[in-house]
Protein backbone atom coordinates (compact mmCIF):
# COMPACT_ATOMS: atom_id res chain seq x y z
CA UNK A 1 -134.22 196.16 -47.31
CA UNK A 2 -130.60 197.26 -46.96
CA UNK A 3 -128.01 195.11 -48.73
CA UNK A 4 -125.06 194.58 -46.38
CA UNK A 5 -122.98 192.53 -48.85
CA UNK A 6 -119.52 193.93 -49.56
CA UNK A 7 -116.20 193.20 -51.24
CA UNK A 8 -113.09 193.04 -49.08
CA UNK A 9 -109.64 191.89 -50.24
CA UNK A 10 -111.31 190.50 -53.36
CA UNK A 11 -113.59 188.34 -51.20
CA UNK A 12 -117.38 188.62 -51.28
CA UNK A 13 -118.82 188.91 -47.78
CA UNK A 14 -122.48 188.70 -46.77
CA UNK A 15 -121.84 191.67 -44.46
CA UNK A 16 -118.83 193.71 -43.29
CA UNK A 17 -118.54 192.20 -39.79
CA UNK A 18 -115.38 190.14 -39.34
CA UNK A 19 -114.43 188.22 -36.20
CA UNK A 20 -110.93 189.56 -35.60
CA UNK A 21 -107.78 187.60 -34.76
CA UNK A 22 -108.30 186.28 -31.23
CA UNK A 23 -109.22 183.13 -29.27
CA UNK A 24 -112.85 183.57 -30.44
CA UNK A 25 -112.39 180.92 -33.12
CA UNK A 26 -110.06 178.58 -31.23
CA UNK A 27 -112.91 176.04 -31.07
CA UNK A 28 -114.74 174.99 -34.20
CA UNK A 29 -118.12 175.13 -32.47
CA UNK A 30 -117.50 178.73 -31.37
CA UNK A 31 -116.54 179.76 -34.89
CA UNK A 32 -119.68 178.08 -36.24
CA UNK A 33 -121.79 180.00 -33.71
CA UNK A 34 -120.37 183.34 -34.87
CA UNK A 35 -120.96 182.45 -38.51
CA UNK A 36 -124.52 181.44 -37.70
CA UNK A 37 -124.94 184.81 -35.93
CA UNK A 38 -123.92 186.57 -39.15
CA UNK A 39 -120.13 186.93 -39.31
CA UNK A 40 -119.04 187.78 -42.84
CA UNK A 41 -115.56 186.31 -42.26
CA UNK A 42 -113.31 185.14 -39.43
CA UNK A 43 -109.60 185.60 -38.71
CA UNK A 44 -107.60 182.94 -36.90
CA UNK A 45 -105.52 183.93 -33.88
CA UNK A 46 -102.03 185.09 -34.84
CA UNK A 47 -99.24 182.61 -35.39
CA UNK A 48 -96.19 184.06 -33.57
CA UNK A 49 -92.89 182.93 -35.03
CA UNK A 50 -90.91 183.57 -31.85
CA UNK A 51 -93.35 181.45 -29.85
CA UNK A 52 -92.65 178.53 -32.19
CA UNK A 53 -88.91 179.11 -31.79
CA UNK A 54 -89.26 179.25 -27.99
CA UNK A 55 -91.22 175.99 -28.00
CA UNK A 56 -88.58 174.29 -30.14
CA UNK A 57 -85.74 175.51 -27.88
CA UNK A 58 -87.61 174.36 -24.78
CA UNK A 59 -88.08 170.94 -26.33
CA UNK A 60 -84.39 170.71 -27.11
CA UNK A 61 -83.49 171.67 -23.54
CA UNK A 62 -85.83 168.99 -22.22
CA UNK A 63 -84.27 166.35 -24.45
CA UNK A 64 -80.75 167.41 -23.49
CA UNK A 65 -81.62 167.22 -19.79
CA UNK A 66 -82.39 163.48 -20.04
CA UNK A 67 -79.05 162.46 -21.48
CA UNK A 68 -77.01 160.09 -19.27
CA UNK A 69 -79.50 160.08 -16.39
CA UNK A 70 -80.11 156.33 -16.49
CA UNK A 71 -77.45 153.97 -15.18
CA UNK A 72 -78.55 151.25 -17.60
CA UNK A 73 -78.37 153.42 -20.73
CA UNK A 74 -76.04 156.06 -22.06
CA UNK A 75 -78.96 158.22 -23.19
CA UNK A 76 -82.68 158.19 -23.29
CA UNK A 77 -85.14 159.87 -25.67
CA UNK A 78 -88.36 161.42 -24.42
CA UNK A 79 -91.51 160.72 -26.46
CA UNK A 80 -92.01 164.00 -28.37
CA UNK A 81 -95.46 163.05 -29.65
CA UNK A 82 -97.03 164.40 -26.47
CA UNK A 83 -96.28 168.02 -27.38
CA UNK A 84 -96.01 170.06 -30.55
CA UNK A 85 -92.76 171.47 -31.90
CA UNK A 86 -94.27 173.18 -34.95
CA UNK A 87 -97.21 175.22 -36.20
CA UNK A 88 -99.06 172.05 -37.19
CA UNK A 89 -101.88 172.30 -34.59
CA UNK A 90 -102.66 175.87 -35.68
CA UNK A 91 -102.47 174.97 -39.35
CA UNK A 92 -104.68 171.91 -38.92
CA UNK A 93 -107.27 173.98 -37.06
CA UNK A 94 -107.15 176.59 -39.82
CA UNK A 95 -107.80 173.86 -42.37
CA UNK A 96 -110.76 172.53 -40.36
CA UNK A 97 -112.26 176.01 -40.18
CA UNK A 98 -111.75 176.61 -43.90
CA UNK A 99 -113.35 173.28 -44.80
CA UNK A 100 -116.29 173.67 -42.42
CA UNK A 101 -117.31 177.33 -42.36
CA UNK A 102 -119.28 178.88 -45.20
CA UNK A 103 -117.43 182.20 -44.94
CA UNK A 104 -113.83 183.17 -45.76
CA UNK A 105 -111.28 182.21 -43.12
CA UNK A 106 -108.15 184.34 -42.87
CA UNK A 107 -104.80 183.40 -41.39
CA UNK A 108 -102.87 185.83 -39.20
CA UNK A 109 -99.10 185.90 -38.94
CA UNK A 110 -96.70 187.78 -36.66
CA UNK A 111 -93.14 186.99 -37.74
CA UNK A 112 -89.65 188.12 -36.80
CA UNK A 113 -87.29 186.82 -39.50
CA UNK A 114 -87.48 187.20 -43.30
CA UNK A 115 -87.45 183.43 -43.78
CA UNK A 116 -90.00 182.91 -41.03
CA UNK A 117 -92.45 185.36 -42.55
CA UNK A 118 -92.41 183.72 -45.98
CA UNK A 119 -92.23 180.09 -44.77
CA UNK A 120 -95.17 180.37 -42.39
CA UNK A 121 -97.15 182.53 -44.84
CA UNK A 122 -96.81 179.79 -47.45
CA UNK A 123 -97.95 177.16 -44.93
CA UNK A 124 -101.00 179.22 -43.98
CA UNK A 125 -101.95 179.64 -47.62
CA UNK A 126 -101.50 175.90 -48.24
CA UNK A 127 -103.91 175.06 -45.42
CA UNK A 128 -106.90 176.85 -46.88
CA UNK A 129 -106.71 180.49 -45.79
CA UNK A 130 -108.73 182.73 -48.11
CA UNK A 131 -106.40 185.63 -47.29
CA UNK A 132 -103.53 186.45 -44.94
CA UNK A 133 -103.27 189.21 -42.36
CA UNK A 134 -99.71 190.29 -41.55
CA UNK A 135 -99.42 191.70 -38.06
CA UNK A 136 -96.51 194.15 -38.21
CA UNK A 137 -95.29 194.74 -34.67
CA UNK A 138 -91.95 196.51 -34.47
CA UNK A 139 -90.97 198.27 -31.25
CA UNK A 140 -87.81 200.32 -31.68
CA UNK A 141 -85.33 199.94 -28.79
CA UNK A 142 -82.07 200.61 -30.68
CA UNK A 143 -81.45 204.38 -31.05
CA UNK A 144 -79.34 203.75 -34.16
CA UNK A 145 -82.30 202.16 -35.97
CA UNK A 146 -84.24 204.89 -37.75
CA UNK A 147 -87.93 204.94 -38.54
CA UNK A 148 -87.08 204.87 -42.25
CA UNK A 149 -85.03 201.69 -41.76
CA UNK A 150 -87.86 199.98 -39.89
CA UNK A 151 -90.37 200.95 -42.58
CA UNK A 152 -88.07 199.69 -45.33
CA UNK A 153 -87.63 196.36 -43.54
CA UNK A 154 -91.39 196.01 -43.15
CA UNK A 155 -91.98 196.80 -46.83
CA UNK A 156 -89.45 194.13 -47.81
CA UNK A 157 -91.29 191.62 -45.62
CA UNK A 158 -94.63 192.46 -47.22
CA UNK A 159 -93.23 192.24 -50.75
CA UNK A 160 -91.58 188.88 -49.98
CA UNK A 161 -94.80 187.45 -48.50
CA UNK A 162 -96.88 188.69 -51.44
CA UNK A 163 -94.47 186.88 -53.78
CA UNK A 164 -94.60 183.71 -51.66
CA UNK A 165 -98.40 183.24 -51.60
CA UNK A 166 -101.23 183.28 -54.10
CA UNK A 167 -103.86 184.72 -51.74
CA UNK A 168 -104.58 188.38 -50.87
CA UNK A 169 -102.34 189.91 -48.20
CA UNK A 170 -103.61 192.51 -45.76
CA UNK A 171 -101.36 194.40 -43.35
CA UNK A 172 -102.42 195.29 -39.81
CA UNK A 173 -100.76 198.59 -38.96
CA UNK A 174 -99.88 200.45 -35.80
CA UNK A 175 -100.74 204.17 -35.62
CA UNK A 176 -97.11 205.07 -34.93
CA UNK A 177 -95.92 206.09 -38.39
CA UNK A 178 -94.91 209.68 -39.11
CA UNK A 179 -97.10 209.49 -42.23
CA UNK A 180 -99.62 206.66 -42.31
CA UNK A 181 -100.87 207.66 -45.82
CA UNK A 182 -97.34 207.58 -47.26
CA UNK A 183 -96.58 204.18 -45.73
CA UNK A 184 -99.90 202.77 -46.92
CA UNK A 185 -99.15 203.99 -50.44
CA UNK A 186 -95.83 202.12 -50.30
CA UNK A 187 -97.62 199.00 -49.04
CA UNK A 188 -99.85 199.25 -52.10
CA UNK A 189 -96.76 199.42 -54.33
CA UNK A 190 -95.34 196.37 -52.48
CA UNK A 191 -98.38 194.32 -53.51
CA UNK A 192 -100.60 194.43 -50.43
CA UNK A 193 -104.32 194.09 -51.05
CA UNK A 194 -105.48 195.91 -47.94
CA UNK A 195 -104.66 197.40 -44.56
CA UNK A 196 -106.22 197.16 -41.10
CA UNK A 197 -106.19 200.17 -38.74
CA UNK A 198 -104.98 199.83 -36.05
CA UNK A 199 -103.15 197.14 -34.13
CA UNK A 200 -103.60 197.48 -30.36
CA UNK A 201 -100.23 197.57 -28.60
CA UNK A 202 -100.63 195.48 -25.47
CA UNK A 203 -97.99 197.03 -23.24
CA UNK A 204 -97.43 195.71 -19.69
CA UNK A 205 -97.85 197.87 -16.62
CA UNK A 206 -95.35 198.09 -13.74
CA UNK A 207 -95.85 196.65 -10.25
CA UNK A 208 -94.21 199.11 -7.83
CA UNK A 209 -93.98 196.53 -5.05
CA UNK A 210 -92.23 193.76 -6.98
CA UNK A 211 -90.70 195.97 -9.69
CA UNK A 212 -91.92 193.38 -12.15
CA UNK A 213 -94.14 193.64 -15.21
CA UNK A 214 -97.90 193.21 -14.87
CA UNK A 215 -99.33 191.56 -17.96
CA UNK A 216 -103.09 191.96 -17.93
CA UNK A 217 -105.06 192.13 -21.15
CA UNK A 218 -107.43 195.11 -21.19
CA UNK A 219 -110.28 194.90 -23.67
CA UNK A 220 -110.98 197.83 -25.96
CA UNK A 221 -113.71 200.42 -25.56
CA UNK A 222 -115.50 202.70 -28.05
CA UNK A 223 -113.17 205.49 -26.85
CA UNK A 224 -110.46 203.95 -29.06
CA UNK A 225 -112.51 204.27 -32.25
CA UNK A 226 -112.04 207.99 -33.17
CA UNK A 227 -108.31 207.61 -33.97
CA UNK A 228 -109.21 204.78 -36.35
CA UNK A 229 -112.07 206.73 -37.92
CA UNK A 230 -109.63 209.58 -38.53
CA UNK A 231 -107.20 207.27 -40.34
CA UNK A 232 -109.97 205.72 -42.45
CA UNK A 233 -111.28 209.13 -43.46
CA UNK A 234 -107.80 210.13 -44.63
CA UNK A 235 -106.98 206.85 -46.44
CA UNK A 236 -110.30 206.43 -48.25
CA UNK A 237 -109.98 206.97 -52.00
CA UNK A 238 -106.19 207.34 -52.06
CA UNK A 239 -105.74 203.96 -53.78
CA UNK A 240 -107.63 200.73 -54.37
CA UNK A 241 -106.57 199.00 -51.14
CA UNK A 242 -109.31 197.42 -49.03
CA UNK A 243 -109.65 199.19 -45.69
CA UNK A 244 -110.61 197.48 -42.44
CA UNK A 245 -110.91 198.78 -38.89
CA UNK A 246 -110.20 196.98 -35.63
CA UNK A 247 -110.29 198.29 -32.07
CA UNK A 248 -113.21 200.15 -30.55
CA UNK A 249 -116.07 198.74 -32.66
CA UNK A 250 -118.69 197.74 -30.09
CA UNK A 251 -122.00 198.48 -31.81
CA UNK A 252 -123.75 198.72 -35.13
CA UNK A 253 -123.50 202.50 -35.02
CA UNK A 254 -119.74 202.20 -34.44
CA UNK A 255 -119.63 200.11 -37.62
CA UNK A 256 -121.71 202.73 -39.44
CA UNK A 257 -119.18 205.42 -38.50
CA UNK A 258 -116.31 203.28 -39.82
CA UNK A 259 -118.09 202.65 -43.12
CA UNK A 260 -118.97 206.34 -43.55
CA UNK A 261 -115.25 207.09 -43.07
CA UNK A 262 -114.26 204.52 -45.71
CA UNK A 263 -114.04 201.03 -44.19
CA UNK A 264 -114.80 198.00 -46.35
CA UNK A 265 -114.80 195.62 -43.38
CA UNK A 266 -115.22 196.00 -39.62
CA UNK A 267 -113.32 193.68 -37.28
CA UNK A 268 -114.51 193.17 -33.72
CA UNK A 269 -112.99 191.22 -30.83
CA UNK A 270 -113.50 192.80 -27.41
CA UNK A 271 -117.24 193.36 -27.86
CA UNK A 272 -117.65 189.73 -28.97
CA UNK A 273 -115.56 188.41 -26.09
CA UNK A 274 -118.01 190.18 -23.79
CA UNK A 275 -121.27 189.56 -25.64
CA UNK A 276 -120.72 186.45 -27.75
CA UNK A 277 -122.53 185.57 -30.99
CA UNK A 278 -125.78 187.27 -29.94
CA UNK A 279 -124.00 190.61 -29.70
CA UNK A 280 -122.72 190.17 -33.25
CA UNK A 281 -126.29 189.53 -34.38
CA UNK A 282 -127.42 192.70 -32.60
CA UNK A 283 -124.63 194.75 -34.19
CA UNK A 284 -125.63 193.57 -37.66
CA UNK A 285 -129.28 194.42 -37.05
CA UNK A 286 -128.39 197.86 -35.68
CA UNK A 287 -126.17 198.68 -38.68
CA UNK A 288 -128.88 197.69 -41.15
CA UNK A 289 -131.48 199.73 -39.24
CA UNK A 290 -129.27 202.84 -39.18
CA UNK A 291 -128.53 202.63 -42.91
CA UNK A 292 -132.20 202.14 -43.73
CA UNK A 293 -133.27 205.03 -41.52
CA UNK A 294 -130.84 207.35 -43.31
CA UNK A 295 -131.82 206.28 -46.81
CA UNK A 296 -128.86 204.10 -47.76
CA UNK A 297 -129.74 201.05 -49.85
CA UNK A 298 -126.32 199.41 -49.60
CA UNK A 299 -122.87 199.88 -48.10
CA UNK A 300 -121.38 201.28 -51.27
CA UNK A 301 -123.64 204.32 -51.08
CA UNK A 302 -122.52 205.05 -47.52
CA UNK A 303 -118.84 204.21 -47.78
CA UNK A 304 -116.57 207.23 -47.56
CA UNK A 305 -119.38 209.77 -47.29
CA UNK A 306 -117.52 211.56 -44.48
CA UNK A 307 -113.95 211.04 -45.73
CA UNK A 308 -111.63 214.04 -45.93
CA UNK A 309 -111.48 213.55 -49.69
CA UNK A 310 -114.82 215.33 -49.81
CA UNK A 311 -113.17 218.45 -48.40
CA UNK A 312 -111.47 221.02 -50.63
CA UNK A 313 -108.59 221.51 -48.15
CA UNK A 314 -108.08 218.45 -45.90
CA UNK A 315 -105.08 219.93 -44.06
CA UNK A 316 -107.01 223.08 -43.12
CA UNK A 317 -109.95 220.95 -41.99
CA UNK A 318 -107.67 218.93 -39.71
CA UNK A 319 -106.24 222.07 -38.11
CA UNK A 320 -109.67 223.62 -37.59
CA UNK A 321 -111.04 220.42 -36.05
CA UNK A 322 -108.10 220.30 -33.64
CA UNK A 323 -108.60 223.91 -32.55
CA UNK A 324 -112.37 223.48 -32.23
CA UNK A 325 -111.96 220.41 -30.02
CA UNK A 326 -109.60 222.26 -27.70
CA UNK A 327 -112.06 225.15 -27.36
CA UNK A 328 -114.99 222.80 -26.76
CA UNK A 329 -113.92 222.12 -23.15
CA UNK A 330 -116.51 223.56 -20.80
CA UNK A 331 -119.23 223.74 -23.44
CA UNK A 332 -122.63 222.24 -22.47
CA UNK A 333 -122.01 219.04 -24.42
CA UNK A 334 -118.31 218.64 -23.52
CA UNK A 335 -118.98 215.85 -21.02
CA UNK A 336 -120.65 213.56 -23.52
């Protein structure tokens, strides 16, 4: 019998499968179904600071629009109890999940201002989150803002959040750093407990008829996994940060690849949106079967077995792999 239990961010999980930040746990009964199917942990959907600000501004505009519209009164106040002007609904749902589910529940935060990051992080921690996932999403549009400046700002955010909460902090990264290993090392020094590779950048398409943006969410596919496996294989063993993967994990064998490259936890969203709790159960069974078939008794024995740290010259290996892939076009197995 293979033992799938693992440690991630200082949390003990029954298995490495984590329901990633998404609408999958927006209803308590759905979250309970995923836990019953074997989820080791769940992550709440992200709390977006600018969305809260937009809601508050919209509320203020609504209130201002009602001033002096009644001939019998100089002003008139709309009942604001019918809509939310804060993060309270999200926080209350987080608390319900944390109190009900028998697995760790993580909060997810996507902020924009230094004060917003720390204020909302503290609120999430106060409402029962076992850990916090920071979703760093910076898109450079100002040519005077250098990559180094963006990285420094992000590191300051992480350090401030770590100081503001007493729960582990994990950072969800994009792949667009000149040196992911160097930035991850600096995140470690800033107090982060783990990283997640990689955030999916949901960029809109362009409608040529209307010249407007088309915003359609496209679910991931296993084709997105290799870039993440590559990052895991490089990061494994460089420090004591917990490593998680998200994006492209659609099967138990996908999870096995991530663990062999160094992952402590495996987050899945798209596959679970398609297949529901039963697909999660199937993924867990498939992972256990693969490990057993290949002689692994637990995840610790498999973790990092294919990381580049096992190579005498990682840089040379990377160059050779690149050249070999280019020359593989036209080979009998190149269409697989």
